[in-house]
């Protein structure tokens, strides 16, 4: 069976003088059958000048190592451009994997979208 993942751009109110992030909601299961498509879609949503990405993972059902690899790829891509990737609402099982592998120290993780938006970097 093929897993399904949906990526949807969320509207975000302007943050005043701060950089308004691109917010993408990830929904469904993320595995080897769709991880590459997710990566391509994420990159397509980011203009070259955008350096703040929030991935809302609240509705993520499952994530295997291919999904984690995509998250690492996006993180690296953002870092190379002096950008910020914030993961929001990481499911408990994935949070545990991050903790065991020390990826929780690499990724910026916030419990809610509101927390992530309050911390928008300056442009």
C-alpha atoms as a PDB file:
ATOM      1  CA  UNK A   1       0.000   0.000   0.000  1.00  0.00           C
ATOM      2  CA  UNK A   2       1.247   3.465  -0.874  1.00  0.00           C
ATOM      3  CA  UNK A   3       1.362   6.013   1.902  1.00  0.00           C
ATOM      4  CA  UNK A   4      -0.224   9.378   1.369  1.00  0.00           C
ATOM      5  CA  UNK A   5       1.172  12.705   2.510  1.00  0.00           C
ATOM      6  CA  UNK A   6      -0.449  16.047   1.897  1.00  0.00           C
ATOM      7  CA  UNK A   7       1.450  19.306   2.066  1.00  0.00           C
ATOM      8  CA  UNK A   8      -0.667  22.412   2.373  1.00  0.00           C
ATOM      9  CA  UNK A   9       0.473  26.027   2.595  1.00  0.00           C
ATOM     10  CA  UNK A  10      -1.108  27.843   5.543  1.00  0.00           C
ATOM     11  CA  UNK A  11      -1.879  31.551   5.509  1.00  0.00           C
ATOM     12  CA  UNK A  12       0.160  33.469   8.044  1.00  0.00           C
ATOM     13  CA  UNK A  13      -0.525  37.019   9.197  1.00  0.00           C
ATOM     14  CA  UNK A  14       2.261  39.520   8.690  1.00  0.00           C
ATOM     15  CA  UNK A  15       4.709  39.622  11.583  1.00  0.00           C
ATOM     16  CA  UNK A  16       5.411  43.346  11.363  1.00  0.00           C
ATOM     17  CA  UNK A  17       9.125  43.966  10.890  1.00  0.00           C
ATOM     18  CA  UNK A  18       9.928  40.284  11.236  1.00  0.00           C
ATOM     19  CA  UNK A  19      10.359  37.821   8.399  1.00  0.00           C
ATOM     20  CA  UNK A  20       7.004  36.198   7.663  1.00  0.00           C
ATOM     21  CA  UNK A  21       7.580  32.447   7.494  1.00  0.00           C
ATOM     22  CA  UNK A  22       6.344  30.030   4.905  1.00  0.00           C
ATOM     23  CA  UNK A  23       4.165  27.605   6.859  1.00  0.00           C
ATOM     24  CA  UNK A  24       3.456  24.180   5.409  1.00  0.00           C
ATOM     25  CA  UNK A  25       1.208  21.618   7.077  1.00  0.00           C
ATOM     26  CA  UNK A  26       2.252  17.989   6.612  1.00  0.00           C
ATOM     27  CA  UNK A  27      -0.620  15.528   6.855  1.00  0.00           C
ATOM     28  CA  UNK A  28      -0.724  11.748   6.437  1.00  0.00           C
ATOM     29  CA  UNK A  29       2.049   9.156   6.340  1.00  0.00           C
ATOM     30  CA  UNK A  30       5.557   9.976   5.192  1.00  0.00           C
ATOM     31  CA  UNK A  31       7.652   7.059   3.990  1.00  0.00           C
ATOM     32  CA  UNK A  32       9.835   5.796   1.148  1.00  0.00           C
ATOM     33  CA  UNK A  33       6.908   5.918  -1.298  1.00  0.00           C
ATOM     34  CA  UNK A  34       6.458   9.694  -1.088  1.00  0.00           C
ATOM     35  CA  UNK A  35       9.459  11.263   0.675  1.00  0.00           C
ATOM     36  CA  UNK A  36      11.052  12.466  -2.569  1.00  0.00           C
ATOM     37  CA  UNK A  37       7.832  14.128  -3.674  1.00  0.00           C
ATOM     38  CA  UNK A  38       7.564  15.876  -0.319  1.00  0.00           C
ATOM     39  CA  UNK A  39      11.106  17.240  -0.655  1.00  0.00           C
ATOM     40  CA  UNK A  40      10.400  18.511  -4.161  1.00  0.00           C
ATOM     41  CA  UNK A  41       7.153  20.141  -3.072  1.00  0.00           C
ATOM     42  CA  UNK A  42       8.774  21.836  -0.064  1.00  0.00           C
ATOM     43  CA  UNK A  43      11.554  23.289  -2.229  1.00  0.00           C
ATOM     44  CA  UNK A  44       9.024  24.443  -4.825  1.00  0.00           C
ATOM     45  CA  UNK A  45       7.156  26.394  -2.124  1.00  0.00           C
ATOM     46  CA  UNK A  46      10.237  28.328  -1.010  1.00  0.00           C
ATOM     47  CA  UNK A  47      11.296  31.385  -2.964  1.00  0.00           C
ATOM     48  CA  UNK A  48      15.037  31.941  -2.985  1.00  0.00           C
ATOM     49  CA  UNK A  49      14.704  34.946  -0.700  1.00  0.00           C
ATOM     50  CA  UNK A  50      12.606  33.112   1.931  1.00  0.00           C
ATOM     51  CA  UNK A  51      14.683  31.997   4.871  1.00  0.00           C
ATOM     52  CA  UNK A  52      12.095  30.913   7.421  1.00  0.00           C
ATOM     53  CA  UNK A  53      10.141  27.680   7.014  1.00  0.00           C
ATOM     54  CA  UNK A  54       7.744  26.180   9.535  1.00  0.00           C
ATOM     55  CA  UNK A  55       6.608  22.591   8.996  1.00  0.00           C
ATOM     56  CA  UNK A  56       3.460  21.882  10.995  1.00  0.00           C
ATOM     57  CA  UNK A  57       3.572  18.145  11.652  1.00  0.00           C
ATOM     58  CA  UNK A  58       0.539  17.992  13.924  1.00  0.00           C
ATOM     59  CA  UNK A  59      -1.384  15.798  11.444  1.00  0.00           C
ATOM     60  CA  UNK A  60       1.567  13.561  10.506  1.00  0.00           C
ATOM     61  CA  UNK A  61       0.538   9.952  11.062  1.00  0.00           C
ATOM     62  CA  UNK A  62       3.776   8.075  10.409  1.00  0.00           C
ATOM     63  CA  UNK A  63       7.329   8.890   9.393  1.00  0.00           C
ATOM     64  CA  UNK A  64      10.022   6.375   8.481  1.00  0.00           C
ATOM     65  CA  UNK A  65      13.740   6.903   7.911  1.00  0.00           C
ATOM     66  CA  UNK A  66      13.111   8.230   4.388  1.00  0.00           C
ATOM     67  CA  UNK A  67      10.959  10.983   5.857  1.00  0.00           C
ATOM     68  CA  UNK A  68      13.603  11.793   8.437  1.00  0.00           C
ATOM     69  CA  UNK A  69      16.175  11.988   5.630  1.00  0.00           C
ATOM     70  CA  UNK A  70      13.971  14.518   3.817  1.00  0.00           C
ATOM     71  CA  UNK A  71      13.722  16.620   6.984  1.00  0.00           C
ATOM     72  CA  UNK A  72      17.516  16.529   7.294  1.00  0.00           C
ATOM     73  CA  UNK A  73      17.883  17.544   3.637  1.00  0.00           C
ATOM     74  CA  UNK A  74      15.536  20.505   4.115  1.00  0.00           C
ATOM     75  CA  UNK A  75      17.381  21.469   7.313  1.00  0.00           C
ATOM     76  CA  UNK A  76      20.729  21.415   5.497  1.00  0.00           C
ATOM     77  CA  UNK A  77      19.313  23.397   2.561  1.00  0.00           C
ATOM     78  CA  UNK A  78      17.951  26.047   4.934  1.00  0.00           C
ATOM     79  CA  UNK A  79      21.232  26.257   6.863  1.00  0.00           C
ATOM     80  CA  UNK A  80      23.202  26.757   3.640  1.00  0.00           C
ATOM     81  CA  UNK A  81      21.027  29.806   2.997  1.00  0.00           C
ATOM     82  CA  UNK A  82      21.254  31.132   6.573  1.00  0.00           C
ATOM     83  CA  UNK A  83      17.625  30.135   7.005  1.00  0.00           C
ATOM     84  CA  UNK A  84      15.587  28.691   9.815  1.00  0.00           C
ATOM     85  CA  UNK A  85      13.549  25.487   9.753  1.00  0.00           C
ATOM     86  CA  UNK A  86      11.115  25.006  12.615  1.00  0.00           C
ATOM     87  CA  UNK A  87       9.212  21.766  13.188  1.00  0.00           C
ATOM     88  CA  UNK A  88       5.885  22.145  14.965  1.00  0.00           C
ATOM     89  CA  UNK A  89       3.711  19.523  16.627  1.00  0.00           C
ATOM     90  CA  UNK A  90       6.120  16.626  16.145  1.00  0.00           C
ATOM     91  CA  UNK A  91       4.201  13.403  16.939  1.00  0.00           C
ATOM     92  CA  UNK A  92       5.347  11.603  20.126  1.00  0.00           C
ATOM     93  CA  UNK A  93       6.828   8.579  18.335  1.00  0.00           C
ATOM     94  CA  UNK A  94       8.873  10.757  15.996  1.00  0.00           C
ATOM     95  CA  UNK A  95       9.897  12.996  18.892  1.00  0.00           C
ATOM     96  CA  UNK A  96      11.189   9.887  20.666  1.00  0.00           C
ATOM     97  CA  UNK A  97      13.251   8.892  17.597  1.00  0.00           C
ATOM     98  CA  UNK A  98      14.658  12.431  17.485  1.00  0.00           C
ATOM     99  CA  UNK A  99      15.547  12.185  21.165  1.00  0.00           C
ATOM    100  CA  UNK A 100      17.253   8.790  20.819  1.00  0.00           C
ATOM    101  CA  UNK A 101      19.278   9.940  17.802  1.00  0.00           C
ATOM    102  CA  UNK A 102      19.994  13.432  19.206  1.00  0.00           C
ATOM    103  CA  UNK A 103      18.190  15.012  16.254  1.00  0.00           C
ATOM    104  CA  UNK A 104      16.167  16.964  18.800  1.00  0.00           C
ATOM    105  CA  UNK A 105      19.361  18.977  19.301  1.00  0.00           C
ATOM    106  CA  UNK A 106      19.711  19.626  15.571  1.00  0.00           C
ATOM    107  CA  UNK A 107      16.143  20.605  14.711  1.00  0.00           C
ATOM    108  CA  UNK A 108      14.337  23.606  16.142  1.00  0.00           C
ATOM    109  CA  UNK A 109      11.144  22.074  17.526  1.00  0.00           C
ATOM    110  CA  UNK A 110       8.197  23.977  18.972  1.00  0.00           C
ATOM    111  CA  UNK A 111       5.002  22.535  20.443  1.00  0.00           C
ATOM    112  CA  UNK A 112       2.566  24.766  18.543  1.00  0.00           C
ATOM    113  CA  UNK A 113       2.386  26.988  15.508  1.00  0.00           C
ATOM    114  CA  UNK A 114       1.769  29.976  17.782  1.00  0.00           C
ATOM    115  CA  UNK A 115       5.103  29.323  19.540  1.00  0.00           C
ATOM    116  CA  UNK A 116       6.929  29.107  16.211  1.00  0.00           C
ATOM    117  CA  UNK A 117       5.376  32.282  14.854  1.00  0.00           C
ATOM    118  CA  UNK A 118       6.273  34.294  17.967  1.00  0.00           C
ATOM    119  CA  UNK A 119       9.933  33.500  17.310  1.00  0.00           C
ATOM    120  CA  UNK A 120      10.150  34.719  13.713  1.00  0.00           C
ATOM    121  CA  UNK A 121      13.656  35.947  12.901  1.00  0.00           C
ATOM    122  CA  UNK A 122      14.414  39.427  11.693  1.00  0.00           C
ATOM    123  CA  UNK A 123      14.690  39.752   7.890  1.00  0.00           C
END
